[in-house]
Amino acid sequence: MSRDRNRLTVLKLFLLFSVVLSGCSLLPKEEEALTPPLVEPVQENYSTAKAEKGTITQEIKGNGRFESTAQDEAIYKDKNGRISKIHVVSGDVVKKGDILVELLLDGLDIQVQEQALAMEKAEYALREAKLNEENDEKTFELAVLQYKLEQKKYDRLSKQYDSRIIRSEVNGKVTFVDTLKEGDLIEPYRSIVSVADPTKLRVVLEVNSSDNNVAVGSDVLLNYKSKTFNGVVVQSPLSAPITQNQEQANRNNRFVYIKMDELPPDADIGTLIDVRIITEQRDDVIKIPKGGLRSFGGRNFVRVLEEGSKLREIDVEPGIKSSTEVEIVKGLEEGQVVILQ
């Protein structure tokens, strides 16, 4: 009996173990882990340029314009004047002697007439005194002095009265007319009209404060309607004469004046012209593109590529710069590969 129970127990355990094993066979098999592919390191692409020897030119470029070297200003120099009529507008062509401006001088016409009368009376008194010169020499002398005095007064008033009409002193073109109207007061020494001679031209170029060290005598290349002309700097902010006129002083500090070897036949006042001033040129120097020079914290340096992939920083001393290149005075040799920014 006891043996039968033991056999039964062993049989049950065997059946249970078989069921467990069969259940495990139904579970999916685990996939084997894939081996990751080998990734090659990415090679960084640099924009580079070789340091090379050559010529570098430092220059100033800009749009200049033609202006006249012979200009006349219609200026009223006395006081108490009013505008009667301005006879011209900008762009008008005038001849020497043409009327530019007429002024009203309050009461001056009456003063001139009164002084003319006073001079006639003095002249009459002089003639009367001359008849009695032998009997009364002193009266004659006083009459002469009085007549001369009245003549001087009349001449001064007449000159002032004649100044109400301002005429052009040159043949030329009207380049400026003030925005004054009839009846407006005009203060002394105010410029009302400007007339310029269009046959006497130069080129003027406005420069930045960083470029105002242009030297007189610097060569200039000018391009006008696709034709190249040569010129020379005749005045710069460094060479401008000292003046008490603040307006003129400010102008002198901002402009470079250029004389052309030959004027274009159709050049006119105010016409634009391309200007290129060569301020310095050096030959047989090491130079690189401007994008290769780096600066930080007062330090100038370049990054060079060595052996195809190694980077190295080198301190350098820059020289003059053109619009696209920079001279390297010290620190770099010809042929070295520079990484550009």
C-alpha atoms as a PDB file:
ATOM      1  CA  MET A   1       0.000   0.000   0.000  1.00  0.00           C
ATOM      2  CA  SER A   2       2.786   2.303   0.941  1.00  0.00           C
ATOM      3  CA  ARG A   3       4.683   1.429  -2.219  1.00  0.00           C
ATOM      4  CA  ASP A   4       1.687   2.258  -4.343  1.00  0.00           C
ATOM      5  CA  ARG A   5       1.433   5.707  -2.790  1.00  0.00           C
ATOM      6  CA  ASN A   6       5.065   6.425  -3.407  1.00  0.00           C
ATOM      7  CA  ARG A   7       4.734   5.410  -7.061  1.00  0.00           C
ATOM      8  CA  LEU A   8       1.691   7.643  -7.410  1.00  0.00           C
ATOM      9  CA  THR A   9       3.523  10.615  -5.935  1.00  0.00           C
ATOM     10  CA  VAL A  10       6.505  10.095  -8.232  1.00  0.00           C
ATOM     11  CA  LEU A  11       4.161   9.874 -11.227  1.00  0.00           C
ATOM     12  CA  LYS A  12       2.420  13.142 -10.320  1.00  0.00           C
ATOM     13  CA  LEU A  13       5.729  14.945  -9.957  1.00  0.00           C
ATOM     14  CA  PHE A  14       6.864  13.633 -13.310  1.00  0.00           C
ATOM     15  CA  LEU A  15       3.671  14.806 -15.040  1.00  0.00           C
ATOM     16  CA  LEU A  16       3.970  18.247 -13.387  1.00  0.00           C
ATOM     17  CA  PHE A  17       7.563  18.634 -14.478  1.00  0.00           C
ATOM     18  CA  SER A  18       6.657  17.617 -18.032  1.00  0.00           C
ATOM     19  CA  VAL A  19       3.893  20.248 -18.188  1.00  0.00           C
ATOM     20  CA  VAL A  20       6.287  22.942 -16.970  1.00  0.00           C
ATOM     21  CA  LEU A  21       8.853  22.018 -19.577  1.00  0.00           C
ATOM     22  CA  SER A  22       6.314  21.994 -22.365  1.00  0.00           C
ATOM     23  CA  GLY A  23       5.083  25.473 -21.293  1.00  0.00           C
ATOM     24  CA  CYS A  24       8.545  26.909 -21.446  1.00  0.00           C
ATOM     25  CA  SER A  25       8.933  25.655 -24.976  1.00  0.00           C
ATOM     26  CA  LEU A  26       5.971  27.800 -26.019  1.00  0.00           C
ATOM     27  CA  LEU A  27       7.690  31.128 -24.913  1.00  0.00           C
ATOM     28  CA  PRO A  28       9.414  33.126 -27.720  1.00  0.00           C
ATOM     29  CA  LYS A  29      13.136  32.852 -27.928  1.00  0.00           C
ATOM     30  CA  GLU A  30      15.149  35.959 -26.962  1.00  0.00           C
ATOM     31  CA  GLU A  31      16.810  37.736 -29.897  1.00  0.00           C
ATOM     32  CA  GLU A  32      20.543  37.973 -29.840  1.00  0.00           C
ATOM     33  CA  ALA A  33      21.916  41.548 -29.203  1.00  0.00           C
ATOM     34  CA  LEU A  34      23.165  43.238 -32.409  1.00  0.00           C
ATOM     35  CA  THR A  35      26.717  44.439 -32.534  1.00  0.00           C
ATOM     36  CA  PRO A  36      26.751  48.285 -33.029  1.00  0.00           C
ATOM     37  CA  PRO A  37      28.341  49.421 -36.324  1.00  0.00           C
ATOM     38  CA  LEU A  38      31.697  51.143 -36.218  1.00  0.00           C
ATOM     39  CA  VAL A  39      31.295  54.953 -36.801  1.00  0.00           C
ATOM     40  CA  GLU A  40      34.213  56.851 -38.288  1.00  0.00           C
ATOM     41  CA  PRO A  41      34.888  60.286 -36.687  1.00  0.00           C
ATOM     42  CA  VAL A  42      33.540  63.206 -38.781  1.00  0.00           C
ATOM     43  CA  GLN A  43      36.216  65.218 -40.476  1.00  0.00           C
ATOM     44  CA  GLU A  44      35.437  68.973 -39.953  1.00  0.00           C
ATOM     45  CA  ASN A  45      35.602  71.003 -43.141  1.00  0.00           C
ATOM     46  CA  TYR A  46      37.446  74.305 -42.854  1.00  0.00           C
ATOM     47  CA  SER A  47      37.508  77.241 -45.216  1.00  0.00           C
ATOM     48  CA  THR A  48      41.199  77.956 -45.683  1.00  0.00           C
ATOM     49  CA  ALA A  49      43.634  80.120 -47.599  1.00  0.00           C
ATOM     50  CA  LYS A  50      47.390  80.080 -47.938  1.00  0.00           C
ATOM     51  CA  ALA A  51      49.542  82.970 -46.779  1.00  0.00           C
ATOM     52  CA  GLU A  52      51.126  84.401 -49.894  1.00  0.00           C
ATOM     53  CA  LYS A  53      53.540  87.102 -50.946  1.00  0.00           C
ATOM     54  CA  GLY A  54      52.423  89.982 -53.100  1.00  0.00           C
ATOM     55  CA  THR A  55      51.364  93.622 -53.261  1.00  0.00           C
ATOM     56  CA  ILE A  56      48.777  95.114 -50.932  1.00  0.00           C
ATOM     57  CA  THR A  57      47.161  98.516 -51.354  1.00  0.00           C
ATOM     58  CA  GLN A  58      45.408 100.525 -48.667  1.00  0.00           C
ATOM     59  CA  GLU A  59      42.822 102.824 -50.187  1.00  0.00           C
ATOM     60  CA  ILE A  60      39.720 104.912 -49.615  1.00  0.00           C
ATOM     61  CA  LYS A  61      36.731 104.476 -51.894  1.00  0.00           C
ATOM     62  CA  GLY A  62      33.598 106.547 -52.225  1.00  0.00           C
ATOM     63  CA  ASN A  63      31.330 108.676 -54.363  1.00  0.00           C
ATOM     64  CA  GLY A  64      32.749 112.117 -54.971  1.00  0.00           C
ATOM     65  CA  ARG A  65      31.089 114.982 -56.772  1.00  0.00           C
ATOM     66  CA  PHE A  66      32.174 117.851 -58.960  1.00  0.00           C
ATOM     67  CA  GLU A  67      32.202 121.349 -57.508  1.00  0.00           C
ATOM     68  CA  SER A  68      33.457 124.656 -58.824  1.00  0.00           C
ATOM     69  CA  THR A  69      36.642 126.312 -57.618  1.00  0.00           C
ATOM     70  CA  ALA A  70      35.307 129.717 -58.732  1.00  0.00           C
ATOM     71  CA  GLN A  71      32.199 130.647 -56.775  1.00  0.00           C
ATOM     72  CA  ASP A  72      30.492 133.962 -56.117  1.00  0.00           C
ATOM     73  CA  GLU A  73      28.236 134.570 -53.127  1.00  0.00           C
ATOM     74  CA  ALA A  74      25.471 137.173 -53.273  1.00  0.00           C
ATOM     75  CA  ILE A  75      25.871 138.637 -49.781  1.00  0.00           C
ATOM     76  CA  TYR A  76      24.246 141.740 -48.345  1.00  0.00           C
ATOM     77  CA  LYS A  77      26.829 143.408 -46.100  1.00  0.00           C
ATOM     78  CA  ASP A  78      24.860 146.301 -44.604  1.00  0.00           C
ATOM     79  CA  LYS A  79      21.940 146.329 -42.179  1.00  0.00           C
ATOM     80  CA  ASN A  80      18.188 146.938 -42.169  1.00  0.00           C
ATOM     81  CA  GLY A  81      17.583 145.246 -45.491  1.00  0.00           C
ATOM     82  CA  ARG A  82      14.478 143.437 -46.714  1.00  0.00           C
ATOM     83  CA  ILE A  83      13.987 141.151 -49.680  1.00  0.00           C
ATOM     84  CA  SER A  84      12.296 142.864 -52.614  1.00  0.00           C
ATOM     85  CA  LYS A  85      12.830 140.169 -55.256  1.00  0.00           C
ATOM     86  CA  ILE A  86      15.094 137.202 -55.962  1.00  0.00           C
ATOM     87  CA  HIS A  87      15.571 137.033 -59.734  1.00  0.00           C
ATOM     88  CA  VAL A  88      17.018 133.513 -60.108  1.00  0.00           C
ATOM     89  CA  VAL A  89      16.415 129.885 -59.138  1.00  0.00           C
ATOM     90  CA  SER A  90      18.879 126.998 -58.726  1.00  0.00           C
ATOM     91  CA  GLY A  91      20.172 125.777 -62.062  1.00  0.00           C
ATOM     92  CA  ASP A  92      19.850 129.108 -63.880  1.00  0.00           C
ATOM     93  CA  VAL A  93      22.794 130.146 -66.045  1.00  0.00           C
ATOM     94  CA  VAL A  94      23.814 133.770 -65.499  1.00  0.00           C
ATOM     95  CA  LYS A  95      26.375 136.193 -66.863  1.00  0.00           C
ATOM     96  CA  LYS A  96      28.604 138.604 -65.015  1.00  0.00           C
ATOM     97  CA  GLY A  97      26.562 141.697 -64.155  1.00  0.00           C
ATOM     98  CA  ASP A  98      23.144 139.983 -64.176  1.00  0.00           C
ATOM     99  CA  ILE A  99      20.850 140.981 -61.295  1.00  0.00           C
ATOM    100  CA  LEU A 100      20.497 138.233 -58.702  1.00  0.00           C
ATOM    101  CA  VAL A 101      18.686 139.957 -55.823  1.00  0.00           C
ATOM    102  CA  GLU A 102      16.918 143.246 -55.153  1.00  0.00           C
ATOM    103  CA  LEU A 103      16.521 144.554 -51.618  1.00  0.00           C
ATOM    104  CA  LEU A 104      14.318 147.133 -49.925  1.00  0.00           C
ATOM    105  CA  LEU A 105      16.317 149.517 -47.735  1.00  0.00           C
ATOM    106  CA  ASP A 106      13.829 151.207 -45.445  1.00  0.00           C
ATOM    107  CA  GLY A 107      13.989 155.007 -45.823  1.00  0.00           C
ATOM    108  CA  LEU A 108      17.369 155.018 -47.531  1.00  0.00           C
ATOM    109  CA  ASP A 109      16.015 156.418 -50.804  1.00  0.00           C
ATOM    110  CA  ILE A 110      14.737 159.484 -48.934  1.00  0.00           C
ATOM    111  CA  GLN A 111      18.082 159.900 -47.173  1.00  0.00           C
ATOM    112  CA  VAL A 112      19.875 159.835 -50.525  1.00  0.00           C
ATOM    113  CA  GLN A 113      17.584 162.544 -51.900  1.00  0.00           C
ATOM    114  CA  GLU A 114      18.021 164.687 -48.791  1.00  0.00           C
ATOM    115  CA  GLN A 115      21.785 164.355 -48.980  1.00  0.00           C
ATOM    116  CA  ALA A 116      21.780 165.224 -52.672  1.00  0.00           C
ATOM    117  CA  LEU A 117      19.934 168.412 -51.775  1.00  0.00           C
ATOM    118  CA  ALA A 118      22.403 169.180 -48.982  1.00  0.00           C
ATOM    119  CA  MET A 119      25.284 168.730 -51.421  1.00  0.00           C
ATOM    120  CA  GLU A 120      23.673 171.117 -53.921  1.00  0.00           C
ATOM    121  CA  LYS A 121      23.277 173.745 -51.197  1.00  0.00           C
ATOM    122  CA  ALA A 122      26.919 173.338 -50.230  1.00  0.00           C
ATOM    123  CA  GLU A 123      27.935 173.677 -53.858  1.00  0.00           C
ATOM    124  CA  TYR A 124      25.883 176.882 -54.195  1.00  0.00           C
ATOM    125  CA  ALA A 125      27.457 178.288 -51.013  1.00  0.00           C
ATOM    126  CA  LEU A 126      30.871 177.456 -52.409  1.00  0.00           C
ATOM    127  CA  ARG A 127      30.200 179.378 -55.615  1.00  0.00           C
ATOM    128  CA  GLU A 128      29.003 182.399 -53.610  1.00  0.00           C
ATOM    129  CA  ALA A 129      32.080 182.284 -51.383  1.00  0.00           C
ATOM    130  CA  LYS A 130      34.373 182.068 -54.396  1.00  0.00           C
ATOM    131  CA  LEU A 131      32.992 185.383 -55.694  1.00  0.00           C
ATOM    132  CA  ASN A 132      34.120 187.083 -52.474  1.00  0.00           C
ATOM    133  CA  GLU A 133      37.267 184.992 -51.960  1.00  0.00           C
ATOM    134  CA  GLU A 134      39.544 188.011 -52.039  1.00  0.00           C
ATOM    135  CA  ASN A 135      37.502 189.860 -49.390  1.00  0.00           C
ATOM    136  CA  ASP A 136      36.702 186.836 -47.170  1.00  0.00           C
ATOM    137  CA  GLU A 137      39.204 184.018 -47.649  1.00  0.00           C
ATOM    138  CA  LYS A 138      38.158 182.208 -44.463  1.00  0.00           C
ATOM    139  CA  THR A 139      34.535 181.903 -45.593  1.00  0.00           C
ATOM    140  CA  PHE A 140      35.702 180.404 -48.869  1.00  0.00           C
ATOM    141  CA  GLU A 141      37.856 177.804 -47.089  1.00  0.00           C
ATOM    142  CA  LEU A 142      34.949 176.777 -44.879  1.00  0.00           C
ATOM    143  CA  ALA A 143      32.660 176.526 -47.905  1.00  0.00           C
ATOM    144  CA  VAL A 144      35.160 174.201 -49.595  1.00  0.00           C
ATOM    145  CA  LEU A 145      35.345 171.957 -46.528  1.00  0.00           C
ATOM    146  CA  GLN A 146      31.563 171.878 -46.190  1.00  0.00           C
ATOM    147  CA  TYR A 147      31.096 170.889 -49.811  1.00  0.00           C
ATOM    148  CA  LYS A 148      33.644 168.075 -49.514  1.00  0.00           C
ATOM    149  CA  LEU A 149      31.917 166.789 -46.378  1.00  0.00           C
ATOM    150  CA  GLU A 150      28.496 166.762 -48.044  1.00  0.00           C
ATOM    151  CA  GLN A 151      30.000 165.028 -51.086  1.00  0.00           C
ATOM    152  CA  LYS A 152      31.423 162.228 -48.901  1.00  0.00           C
ATOM    153  CA  LYS A 153      28.076 161.763 -47.159  1.00  0.00           C
ATOM    154  CA  TYR A 154      26.313 161.553 -50.495  1.00  0.00           C
ATOM    155  CA  ASP A 155      28.828 159.052 -51.930  1.00  0.00           C
ATOM    156  CA  ARG A 156      28.493 156.813 -48.868  1.00  0.00           C
ATOM    157  CA  LEU A 157      24.688 156.836 -48.964  1.00  0.00           C
ATOM    158  CA  SER A 158      24.665 156.282 -52.716  1.00  0.00           C
ATOM    159  CA  LYS A 159      26.935 153.288 -52.373  1.00  0.00           C
ATOM    160  CA  GLN A 160      24.722 151.857 -49.677  1.00  0.00           C
ATOM    161  CA  TYR A 161      21.649 152.510 -51.798  1.00  0.00           C
ATOM    162  CA  ASP A 162      23.255 150.869 -54.841  1.00  0.00           C
ATOM    163  CA  SER A 163      23.935 147.763 -52.713  1.00  0.00           C
ATOM    164  CA  ARG A 164      20.200 147.034 -52.788  1.00  0.00           C
ATOM    165  CA  ILE A 165      20.870 145.476 -56.195  1.00  0.00           C
ATOM    166  CA  ILE A 166      23.200 142.453 -56.000  1.00  0.00           C
ATOM    167  CA  ARG A 167      24.714 141.366 -59.304  1.00  0.00           C
ATOM    168  CA  SER A 168      26.681 138.285 -60.307  1.00  0.00           C
ATOM    169  CA  GLU A 169      30.443 138.729 -60.290  1.00  0.00           C
ATOM    170  CA  VAL A 170      31.067 135.734 -62.576  1.00  0.00           C
ATOM    171  CA  ASN A 171      29.655 133.866 -65.533  1.00  0.00           C
ATOM    172  CA  GLY A 172      28.239 130.641 -64.177  1.00  0.00           C
ATOM    173  CA  LYS A 173      25.430 128.501 -62.861  1.00  0.00           C
ATOM    174  CA  VAL A 174      23.235 129.225 -59.842  1.00  0.00           C
ATOM    175  CA  THR A 175      23.929 126.468 -57.296  1.00  0.00           C
ATOM    176  CA  PHE A 176      22.079 127.829 -54.249  1.00  0.00           C
ATOM    177  CA  VAL A 177      19.142 130.154 -53.531  1.00  0.00           C
ATOM    178  CA  ASP A 178      17.997 130.923 -49.993  1.00  0.00           C
ATOM    179  CA  THR A 179      14.342 130.319 -49.125  1.00  0.00           C
ATOM    180  CA  LEU A 180      13.555 133.978 -48.487  1.00  0.00           C
ATOM    181  CA  LYS A 181      10.343 135.695 -49.521  1.00  0.00           C
ATOM    182  CA  GLU A 182       9.473 139.271 -50.406  1.00  0.00           C
ATOM    183  CA  GLY A 183       9.530 141.431 -47.281  1.00  0.00           C
ATOM    184  CA  ASP A 184      11.729 139.082 -45.225  1.00  0.00           C
ATOM    185  CA  LEU A 185      14.438 140.756 -43.160  1.00  0.00           C
ATOM    186  CA  ILE A 186      17.984 139.904 -44.171  1.00  0.00           C
ATOM    187  CA  GLU A 187      20.752 140.049 -41.595  1.00  0.00           C
ATOM    188  CA  PRO A 188      24.199 141.356 -42.615  1.00  0.00           C
ATOM    189  CA  TYR A 189      26.602 138.964 -44.377  1.00  0.00           C
ATOM    190  CA  ARG A 190      23.987 136.314 -45.059  1.00  0.00           C
ATOM    191  CA  SER A 191      24.504 134.408 -48.311  1.00  0.00           C
ATOM    192  CA  ILE A 192      21.388 134.707 -50.482  1.00  0.00           C
ATOM    193  CA  VAL A 193      22.498 133.256 -53.832  1.00  0.00           C
ATOM    194  CA  SER A 194      25.556 131.254 -54.930  1.00  0.00           C
ATOM    195  CA  VAL A 195      26.865 131.255 -58.505  1.00  0.00           C
ATOM    196  CA  ALA A 196      29.623 128.873 -59.631  1.00  0.00           C
ATOM    197  CA  ASP A 197      31.728 128.728 -62.786  1.00  0.00           C
ATOM    198  CA  PRO A 198      31.101 125.260 -64.317  1.00  0.00           C
ATOM    199  CA  THR A 199      34.302 125.375 -66.365  1.00  0.00           C
ATOM    200  CA  LYS A 200      36.568 125.371 -63.290  1.00  0.00           C
ATOM    201  CA  LEU A 201      35.878 122.089 -61.520  1.00  0.00           C
ATOM    202  CA  ARG A 202      37.446 119.855 -58.898  1.00  0.00           C
ATOM    203  CA  VAL A 203      36.243 116.714 -57.111  1.00  0.00           C
ATOM    204  CA  VAL A 204      35.278 116.703 -53.440  1.00  0.00           C
ATOM    205  CA  LEU A 205      34.967 113.503 -51.381  1.00  0.00           C
ATOM    206  CA  GLU A 206      33.569 113.245 -47.850  1.00  0.00           C
ATOM    207  CA  VAL A 207      35.644 110.929 -45.633  1.00  0.00           C
ATOM    208  CA  ASN A 208      35.207 109.320 -42.215  1.00  0.00           C
ATOM    209  CA  SER A 209      37.247 110.524 -39.249  1.00  0.00           C
ATOM    210  CA  SER A 210      39.288 107.308 -39.487  1.00  0.00           C
ATOM    211  CA  ASP A 211      40.292 108.219 -43.056  1.00  0.00           C
ATOM    212  CA  ASN A 212      41.056 111.899 -42.593  1.00  0.00           C
ATOM    213  CA  ASN A 213      44.829 111.319 -42.547  1.00  0.00           C
ATOM    214  CA  VAL A 214      45.029 111.382 -46.332  1.00  0.00           C
ATOM    215  CA  ALA A 215      48.205 113.124 -47.445  1.00  0.00           C
ATOM    216  CA  VAL A 216      48.339 115.895 -50.014  1.00  0.00           C
ATOM    217  CA  GLY A 217      49.831 114.459 -53.196  1.00  0.00           C
ATOM    218  CA  SER A 218      48.218 111.025 -52.819  1.00  0.00           C
ATOM    219  CA  ASP A 219      47.383 109.439 -56.166  1.00  0.00           C
ATOM    220  CA  VAL A 220      43.709 109.150 -57.064  1.00  0.00           C
ATOM    221  CA  LEU A 221      41.927 106.950 -59.595  1.00  0.00           C
ATOM    222  CA  LEU A 222      38.523 108.199 -60.728  1.00  0.00           C
ATOM    223  CA  ASN A 223      35.885 106.417 -62.768  1.00  0.00           C
ATOM    224  CA  TYR A 224      33.298 108.436 -64.670  1.00  0.00           C
ATOM    225  CA  LYS A 225      30.887 106.740 -67.055  1.00  0.00           C
ATOM    226  CA  SER A 226      33.142 103.660 -67.344  1.00  0.00           C
ATOM    227  CA  LYS A 227      36.213 105.746 -68.181  1.00  0.00           C
ATOM    228  CA  THR A 228      39.203 106.006 -65.843  1.00  0.00           C
ATOM    229  CA  PHE A 229      40.880 109.321 -64.985  1.00  0.00           C
ATOM    230  CA  ASN A 230      43.874 110.204 -62.838  1.00  0.00           C
ATOM    231  CA  GLY A 231      44.040 112.847 -60.159  1.00  0.00           C
ATOM    232  CA  VAL A 232      45.859 114.001 -57.046  1.00  0.00           C
ATOM    233  CA  VAL A 233      44.788 115.118 -53.562  1.00  0.00           C
ATOM    234  CA  VAL A 234      45.304 118.891 -53.234  1.00  0.00           C
ATOM    235  CA  GLN A 235      43.716 119.404 -49.792  1.00  0.00           C
ATOM    236  CA  SER A 236      42.801 117.059 -46.933  1.00  0.00           C
ATOM    237  CA  PRO A 237      41.659 117.510 -43.331  1.00  0.00           C
ATOM    238  CA  LEU A 238      45.328 117.355 -42.265  1.00  0.00           C
ATOM    239  CA  SER A 239      46.408 120.138 -44.622  1.00  0.00           C
ATOM    240  CA  ALA A 240      43.321 122.391 -44.442  1.00  0.00           C
ATOM    241  CA  PRO A 241      44.117 126.018 -43.565  1.00  0.00           C
ATOM    242  CA  ILE A 242      43.071 127.379 -40.185  1.00  0.00           C
ATOM    243  CA  THR A 243      39.961 129.549 -40.374  1.00  0.00           C
ATOM    244  CA  GLN A 244      37.825 131.460 -37.894  1.00  0.00           C
ATOM    245  CA  ASN A 245      34.746 130.552 -39.926  1.00  0.00           C
ATOM    246  CA  GLN A 246      33.332 127.592 -37.985  1.00  0.00           C
ATOM    247  CA  GLU A 247      31.180 126.405 -40.874  1.00  0.00           C
ATOM    248  CA  GLN A 248      34.181 126.325 -43.197  1.00  0.00           C
ATOM    249  CA  ALA A 249      36.317 124.649 -40.510  1.00  0.00           C
ATOM    250  CA  ASN A 250      33.755 121.850 -40.127  1.00  0.00           C
ATOM    251  CA  ARG A 251      33.717 121.383 -43.890  1.00  0.00           C
ATOM    252  CA  ASN A 252      37.511 121.236 -44.074  1.00  0.00           C
ATOM    253  CA  ASN A 253      37.548 118.482 -41.423  1.00  0.00           C
ATOM    254  CA  ARG A 254      35.224 116.268 -43.483  1.00  0.00           C
ATOM    255  CA  PHE A 255      36.295 116.664 -47.099  1.00  0.00           C
ATOM    256  CA  VAL A 256      39.179 115.768 -49.379  1.00  0.00           C
ATOM    257  CA  TYR A 257      39.678 117.907 -52.500  1.00  0.00           C
ATOM    258  CA  ILE A 258      41.007 116.363 -55.705  1.00  0.00           C
ATOM    259  CA  LYS A 259      42.428 117.925 -58.875  1.00  0.00           C
ATOM    260  CA  MET A 260      41.915 115.830 -61.999  1.00  0.00           C
ATOM    261  CA  ASP A 261      44.597 115.656 -64.672  1.00  0.00           C
ATOM    262  CA  GLU A 262      41.820 115.888 -67.268  1.00  0.00           C
ATOM    263  CA  LEU A 263      38.158 116.789 -66.841  1.00  0.00           C
ATOM    264  CA  PRO A 264      35.438 114.761 -68.586  1.00  0.00           C
ATOM    265  CA  PRO A 265      33.927 116.960 -71.316  1.00  0.00           C
ATOM    266  CA  ASP A 266      30.397 116.560 -69.921  1.00  0.00           C
ATOM    267  CA  ALA A 267      31.287 116.968 -66.219  1.00  0.00           C
ATOM    268  CA  ASP A 268      28.940 119.326 -64.407  1.00  0.00           C
ATOM    269  CA  ILE A 269      28.565 120.791 -60.942  1.00  0.00           C
ATOM    270  CA  GLY A 270      27.023 118.240 -58.582  1.00  0.00           C
ATOM    271  CA  THR A 271      27.608 115.217 -60.846  1.00  0.00           C
ATOM    272  CA  LEU A 272      28.803 112.081 -58.999  1.00  0.00           C
ATOM    273  CA  ILE A 273      32.074 110.302 -59.766  1.00  0.00           C
ATOM    274  CA  ASP A 274      33.652 107.142 -58.290  1.00  0.00           C
ATOM    275  CA  VAL A 275      36.821 107.909 -56.328  1.00  0.00           C
ATOM    276  CA  ARG A 276      39.645 105.624 -55.221  1.00  0.00           C
ATOM    277  CA  ILE A 277      42.461 107.214 -53.210  1.00  0.00           C
ATOM    278  CA  ILE A 278      45.604 105.118 -52.761  1.00  0.00           C
ATOM    279  CA  THR A 279      46.889 105.991 -49.290  1.00  0.00           C
ATOM    280  CA  GLU A 280      49.643 103.357 -49.048  1.00  0.00           C
ATOM    281  CA  GLN A 281      51.022 100.480 -51.107  1.00  0.00           C
ATOM    282  CA  ARG A 282      53.539  97.787 -50.122  1.00  0.00           C
ATOM    283  CA  ASP A 283      55.166  95.179 -52.363  1.00  0.00           C
ATOM    284  CA  ASP A 284      56.507  91.677 -51.658  1.00  0.00           C
ATOM    285  CA  VAL A 285      54.755  91.281 -48.300  1.00  0.00           C
ATOM    286  CA  ILE A 286      53.014  88.323 -46.613  1.00  0.00           C
ATOM    287  CA  LYS A 287      49.258  88.766 -46.841  1.00  0.00           C
ATOM    288  CA  ILE A 288      46.104  86.778 -46.060  1.00  0.00           C
ATOM    289  CA  PRO A 289      42.373  87.333 -46.509  1.00  0.00           C
ATOM    290  CA  LYS A 290      40.956  89.630 -43.830  1.00  0.00           C
ATOM    291  CA  GLY A 291      38.767  86.741 -42.607  1.00  0.00           C
ATOM    292  CA  GLY A 292      41.872  84.908 -41.443  1.00  0.00           C
ATOM    293  CA  LEU A 293      42.907  87.505 -38.872  1.00  0.00           C
ATOM    294  CA  ARG A 294      41.356  87.119 -35.433  1.00  0.00           C
ATOM    295  CA  SER A 295      41.451  89.542 -32.514  1.00  0.00           C
ATOM    296  CA  PHE A 296      40.515  89.057 -28.897  1.00  0.00           C
ATOM    297  CA  GLY A 297      41.469  90.986 -25.792  1.00  0.00           C
ATOM    298  CA  GLY A 298      44.031  93.066 -27.640  1.00  0.00           C
ATOM    299  CA  ARG A 299      45.639  89.952 -29.118  1.00  0.00           C
ATOM    300  CA  ASN A 300      45.959  89.410 -32.888  1.00  0.00           C
ATOM    301  CA  PHE A 301      46.305  85.816 -34.023  1.00  0.00           C
ATOM    302  CA  VAL A 302      45.550  83.292 -36.768  1.00  0.00           C
ATOM    303  CA  ARG A 303      44.633  79.633 -36.709  1.00  0.00           C
ATOM    304  CA  VAL A 304      46.715  77.483 -39.025  1.00  0.00           C
ATOM    305  CA  LEU A 305      46.085  73.965 -40.233  1.00  0.00           C
ATOM    306  CA  GLU A 306      49.079  71.647 -39.988  1.00  0.00           C
ATOM    307  CA  GLU A 307      49.588  68.095 -41.257  1.00  0.00           C
ATOM    308  CA  GLY A 308      46.106  68.146 -42.716  1.00  0.00           C
ATOM    309  CA  SER A 309      44.162  68.122 -39.452  1.00  0.00           C
ATOM    310  CA  LYS A 310      46.074  69.722 -36.584  1.00  0.00           C
ATOM    311  CA  LEU A 311      45.070  73.223 -35.472  1.00  0.00           C
ATOM    312  CA  ARG A 312      47.487  75.716 -33.988  1.00  0.00           C
ATOM    313  CA  GLU A 313      47.083  79.358 -32.971  1.00  0.00           C
ATOM    314  CA  ILE A 314      49.852  81.788 -33.870  1.00  0.00           C
ATOM    315  CA  ASP A 315      50.178  85.367 -32.637  1.00  0.00           C
ATOM    316  CA  VAL A 316      50.809  87.779 -35.500  1.00  0.00           C
ATOM    317  CA  GLU A 317      51.517  91.457 -36.121  1.00  0.00           C
ATOM    318  CA  PRO A 318      49.176  92.912 -38.781  1.00  0.00           C
ATOM    319  CA  GLY A 319      50.168  95.730 -41.113  1.00  0.00           C
ATOM    320  CA  ILE A 320      48.092  97.714 -43.605  1.00  0.00           C
ATOM    321  CA  LYS A 321      44.726  96.492 -44.818  1.00  0.00           C
ATOM    322  CA  SER A 322      42.981  96.598 -48.155  1.00  0.00           C
ATOM    323  CA  SER A 323      39.279  96.040 -48.642  1.00  0.00           C
ATOM    324  CA  THR A 324      39.836  92.240 -48.787  1.00  0.00           C
ATOM    325  CA  GLU A 325      43.324  91.476 -47.454  1.00  0.00           C
ATOM    326  CA  VAL A 326      45.611  92.242 -44.525  1.00  0.00           C
ATOM    327  CA  GLU A 327      49.390  92.366 -44.389  1.00  0.00           C
ATOM    328  CA  ILE A 328      51.092  90.131 -41.809  1.00  0.00           C
ATOM    329  CA  VAL A 329      54.311  91.801 -40.715  1.00  0.00           C
ATOM    330  CA  LYS A 330      55.393  89.156 -38.236  1.00  0.00           C
ATOM    331  CA  GLY A 331      54.379  85.636 -37.171  1.00  0.00           C
ATOM    332  CA  LEU A 332      53.397  83.936 -40.419  1.00  0.00           C
ATOM    333  CA  GLU A 333      55.342  82.433 -43.303  1.00  0.00           C
ATOM    334  CA  GLU A 334      54.476  82.097 -46.950  1.00  0.00           C
ATOM    335  CA  GLY A 335      52.527  78.947 -47.718  1.00  0.00           C
ATOM    336  CA  GLN A 336      51.060  78.341 -44.272  1.00  0.00           C
ATOM    337  CA  VAL A 337      47.389  77.363 -44.395  1.00  0.00           C
ATOM    338  CA  VAL A 338      45.166  79.781 -42.489  1.00  0.00           C
ATOM    339  CA  ILE A 339      41.650  78.933 -41.364  1.00  0.00           C
ATOM    340  CA  LEU A 340      39.132  81.623 -42.320  1.00  0.00           C
ATOM    341  CA  GLN A 341      36.282  82.745 -40.111  1.00  0.00           C
END
